[in-house]
Structure formats: structure tokens, C-alpha cells
Amino acid sequence: MIETPYEYFNRDGKKCVDSAVGWAGVRLGKIDFYFEKKTGKF
């Protein structure tokens, strides 16, 4: 289990976010994503 989301790049060079919630979703949390229309980045 990880404490904070892990960011990495996939084969296409795009950023991906991985997060673990624990066994059966015991640890709940919230991840906010903000997208930029002009650049397509988050």
C-alpha cells in the first residue's frame, strides 16, 4: 500500500497516476484532477 499517488510515464510518454486503497477499499481518499483545455495536460 502506498501513502500518496504514484505518478509515472507510460510507453506513449503520457503521465499516469497509480494509487492503492488497501484491502477491500479500507482506506478511502480523494484525488482531484485539474485539466488544462489549451495544452491537454493535467
PDB file of N, CA and C in Angstrom:
ATOM      1  N   MET A   1       0.848  -1.166   0.000  1.00  0.00           N
ATOM      2  CA  MET A   1       0.000   0.000   0.000  1.00  0.00           C
ATOM      3  C   MET A   1       0.899   1.235   0.000  1.00  0.00           C
ATOM      4  N   ILE A   2       0.494   2.240  -0.758  1.00  0.00           N
ATOM      5  CA  ILE A   2       1.270   3.479  -0.818  1.00  0.00           C
ATOM      6  C   ILE A   2       0.485   4.609  -0.158  1.00  0.00           C
ATOM      7  N   GLU A   3       1.194   5.549   0.409  1.00  0.00           N
ATOM      8  CA  GLU A   3       0.558   6.656   1.134  1.00  0.00           C
ATOM      9  C   GLU A   3       0.042   7.751   0.207  1.00  0.00           C
ATOM     10  N   THR A   4       0.756   8.017  -0.883  1.00  0.00           N
ATOM     11  CA  THR A   4       0.355   9.050  -1.830  1.00  0.00           C
ATOM     12  C   THR A   4       0.318   8.455  -3.233  1.00  0.00           C
ATOM     13  N   PRO A   5      -0.463   9.037  -4.140  1.00  0.00           N
ATOM     14  CA  PRO A   5      -0.499   8.522  -5.511  1.00  0.00           C
ATOM     15  C   PRO A   5       0.882   8.572  -6.157  1.00  0.00           C
ATOM     16  N   TYR A   6       1.181   7.558  -6.950  1.00  0.00           N
ATOM     17  CA  TYR A   6       2.458   7.455  -7.639  1.00  0.00           C
ATOM     18  C   TYR A   6       2.258   7.870  -9.089  1.00  0.00           C
ATOM     19  N   GLU A   7       3.072   8.815  -9.577  1.00  0.00           N
ATOM     20  CA  GLU A   7       2.982   9.278 -10.957  1.00  0.00           C
ATOM     21  C   GLU A   7       4.129   8.691 -11.765  1.00  0.00           C
ATOM     22  N   TYR A   8       3.829   8.179 -12.940  1.00  0.00           N
ATOM     23  CA  TYR A   8       4.854   7.639 -13.823  1.00  0.00           C
ATOM     24  C   TYR A   8       4.428   7.872 -15.269  1.00  0.00           C
ATOM     25  N   PHE A   9       5.316   7.598 -16.221  1.00  0.00           N
ATOM     26  CA  PHE A   9       5.023   7.779 -17.637  1.00  0.00           C
ATOM     27  C   PHE A   9       4.847   6.418 -18.297  1.00  0.00           C
ATOM     28  N   ASN A  10       3.804   6.299 -19.135  1.00  0.00           N
ATOM     29  CA  ASN A  10       3.563   5.039 -19.823  1.00  0.00           C
ATOM     30  C   ASN A  10       4.416   4.951 -21.091  1.00  0.00           C
ATOM     31  N   ARG A  11       4.218   3.912 -21.889  1.00  0.00           N
ATOM     32  CA  ARG A  11       5.016   3.713 -23.107  1.00  0.00           C
ATOM     33  C   ARG A  11       4.851   4.835 -24.115  1.00  0.00           C
ATOM     34  N   ASP A  12       3.699   5.493 -24.098  1.00  0.00           N
ATOM     35  CA  ASP A  12       3.448   6.601 -25.020  1.00  0.00           C
ATOM     36  C   ASP A  12       4.013   7.922 -24.506  1.00  0.00           C
ATOM     37  N   GLY A  13       4.618   7.903 -23.326  1.00  0.00           N
ATOM     38  CA  GLY A  13       5.186   9.113 -22.745  1.00  0.00           C
ATOM     39  C   GLY A  13       4.162   9.972 -22.021  1.00  0.00           C
ATOM     40  N   LYS A  14       2.969   9.431 -21.790  1.00  0.00           N
ATOM     41  CA  LYS A  14       1.923  10.183 -21.089  1.00  0.00           C
ATOM     42  C   LYS A  14       1.968   9.861 -19.600  1.00  0.00           C
ATOM     43  N   LYS A  15       1.677  10.871 -18.784  1.00  0.00           N
ATOM     44  CA  LYS A  15       1.709  10.709 -17.335  1.00  0.00           C
ATOM     45  C   LYS A  15       0.522   9.877 -16.872  1.00  0.00           C
ATOM     46  N   CYS A  16       0.771   8.923 -15.983  1.00  0.00           N
ATOM     47  CA  CYS A  16      -0.268   8.076 -15.390  1.00  0.00           C
ATOM     48  C   CYS A  16      -0.182   8.196 -13.877  1.00  0.00           C
ATOM     49  N   VAL A  17      -1.304   8.006 -13.230  1.00  0.00           N
ATOM     50  CA  VAL A  17      -1.351   8.077 -11.774  1.00  0.00           C
ATOM     51  C   VAL A  17      -1.834   6.728 -11.250  1.00  0.00           C
ATOM     52  N   ASP A  18      -1.113   6.200 -10.269  1.00  0.00           N
ATOM     53  CA  ASP A  18      -1.462   4.921  -9.659  1.00  0.00           C
ATOM     54  C   ASP A  18      -1.670   5.153  -8.172  1.00  0.00           C
ATOM     55  N   SER A  19      -2.727   4.594  -7.634  1.00  0.00           N
ATOM     56  CA  SER A  19      -2.987   4.762  -6.218  1.00  0.00           C
ATOM     57  C   SER A  19      -3.540   3.461  -5.656  1.00  0.00           C
ATOM     58  N   ALA A  20      -3.233   3.156  -4.426  1.00  0.00           N
ATOM     59  CA  ALA A  20      -3.699   1.931  -3.776  1.00  0.00           C
ATOM     60  C   ALA A  20      -4.608   2.308  -2.614  1.00  0.00           C
ATOM     61  N   VAL A  21      -5.679   1.548  -2.430  1.00  0.00           N
ATOM     62  CA  VAL A  21      -6.637   1.876  -1.378  1.00  0.00           C
ATOM     63  C   VAL A  21      -6.601   0.907  -0.216  1.00  0.00           C
ATOM     64  N   GLY A  22      -5.744  -0.082  -0.275  1.00  0.00           N
ATOM     65  CA  GLY A  22      -5.705  -1.056   0.807  1.00  0.00           C
ATOM     66  C   GLY A  22      -6.620  -2.224   0.494  1.00  0.00           C
ATOM     67  N   TRP A  23      -6.702  -3.141   1.406  1.00  0.00           N
ATOM     68  CA  TRP A  23      -7.516  -4.332   1.198  1.00  0.00           C
ATOM     69  C   TRP A  23      -9.000  -3.978   1.252  1.00  0.00           C
ATOM     70  N   ALA A  24      -9.730  -4.324   0.203  1.00  0.00           N
ATOM     71  CA  ALA A  24     -11.188  -4.126   0.119  1.00  0.00           C
ATOM     72  C   ALA A  24     -11.586  -2.654   0.273  1.00  0.00           C
ATOM     73  N   GLY A  25     -10.715  -1.747  -0.096  1.00  0.00           N
ATOM     74  CA  GLY A  25     -11.054  -0.323  -0.035  1.00  0.00           C
ATOM     75  C   GLY A  25     -11.149   0.231   1.366  1.00  0.00           C
ATOM     76  N   VAL A  26     -10.377  -0.344   2.277  1.00  0.00           N
ATOM     77  CA  VAL A  26     -10.428   0.080   3.678  1.00  0.00           C
ATOM     78  C   VAL A  26     -10.024   1.539   3.832  1.00  0.00           C
ATOM     79  N   ARG A  27      -9.018   1.961   3.081  1.00  0.00           N
ATOM     80  CA  ARG A  27      -8.548   3.349   3.177  1.00  0.00           C
ATOM     81  C   ARG A  27      -9.158   4.144   2.039  1.00  0.00           C
ATOM     82  N   LEU A  28     -10.011   5.087   2.360  1.00  0.00           N
ATOM     83  CA  LEU A  28     -10.672   5.906   1.354  1.00  0.00           C
ATOM     84  C   LEU A  28     -10.022   7.275   1.302  1.00  0.00           C
ATOM     85  N   GLY A  29     -10.060   7.862   0.145  1.00  0.00           N
ATOM     86  CA  GLY A  29      -9.488   9.192  -0.004  1.00  0.00           C
ATOM     87  C   GLY A  29     -10.054   9.868  -1.237  1.00  0.00           C
ATOM     88  N   LYS A  30      -9.403  10.933  -1.660  1.00  0.00           N
ATOM     89  CA  LYS A  30      -9.894  11.722  -2.776  1.00  0.00           C
ATOM     90  C   LYS A  30      -8.702  12.180  -3.603  1.00  0.00           C
ATOM     91  N   ILE A  31      -8.828  12.084  -4.923  1.00  0.00           N
ATOM     92  CA  ILE A  31      -7.812  12.601  -5.841  1.00  0.00           C
ATOM     93  C   ILE A  31      -8.494  13.608  -6.746  1.00  0.00           C
ATOM     94  N   ASP A  32      -8.015  14.832  -6.747  1.00  0.00           N
ATOM     95  CA  ASP A  32      -8.559  15.878  -7.609  1.00  0.00           C
ATOM     96  C   ASP A  32      -7.688  16.020  -8.850  1.00  0.00           C
ATOM     97  N   PHE A  33      -8.317  16.040 -10.011  1.00  0.00           N
ATOM     98  CA  PHE A  33      -7.614  16.248 -11.269  1.00  0.00           C
ATOM     99  C   PHE A  33      -8.037  17.587 -11.845  1.00  0.00           C
ATOM    100  N   TYR A  34      -7.067  18.346 -12.324  1.00  0.00           N
ATOM    101  CA  TYR A  34      -7.326  19.626 -12.979  1.00  0.00           C
ATOM    102  C   TYR A  34      -6.770  19.538 -14.386  1.00  0.00           C
ATOM    103  N   PHE A  35      -7.628  19.751 -15.379  1.00  0.00           N
ATOM    104  CA  PHE A  35      -7.234  19.638 -16.774  1.00  0.00           C
ATOM    105  C   PHE A  35      -7.123  21.012 -17.410  1.00  0.00           C
ATOM    106  N   GLU A  36      -6.115  21.194 -18.253  1.00  0.00           N
ATOM    107  CA  GLU A  36      -5.949  22.437 -18.999  1.00  0.00           C
ATOM    108  C   GLU A  36      -6.433  22.210 -20.423  1.00  0.00           C
ATOM    109  N   LYS A  37      -7.429  22.998 -20.831  1.00  0.00           N
ATOM    110  CA  LYS A  37      -8.021  22.838 -22.155  1.00  0.00           C
ATOM    111  C   LYS A  37      -7.018  23.093 -23.273  1.00  0.00           C
ATOM    112  N   LYS A  38      -6.232  24.130 -23.139  1.00  0.00           N
ATOM    113  CA  LYS A  38      -5.317  24.534 -24.220  1.00  0.00           C
ATOM    114  C   LYS A  38      -4.193  23.534 -24.442  1.00  0.00           C
ATOM    115  N   THR A  39      -3.620  23.012 -23.370  1.00  0.00           N
ATOM    116  CA  THR A  39      -2.459  22.131 -23.507  1.00  0.00           C
ATOM    117  C   THR A  39      -2.837  20.655 -23.409  1.00  0.00           C
ATOM    118  N   GLY A  40      -4.003  20.344 -22.875  1.00  0.00           N
ATOM    119  CA  GLY A  40      -4.410  18.959 -22.702  1.00  0.00           C
ATOM    120  C   GLY A  40      -3.710  18.272 -21.559  1.00  0.00           C
ATOM    121  N   LYS A  41      -3.032  19.027 -20.715  1.00  0.00           N
ATOM    122  CA  LYS A  41      -2.308  18.451 -19.579  1.00  0.00           C
ATOM    123  C   LYS A  41      -3.186  18.457 -18.343  1.00  0.00           C
ATOM    124  N   PHE A  42      -2.806  17.621 -17.385  1.00  0.00           N
ATOM    125  CA  PHE A  42      -3.496  17.647 -16.087  1.00  0.00           C
ATOM    126  C   PHE A  42      -2.495  17.784 -14.987  1.00  0.00           C
TER     127      PHE A  42
END
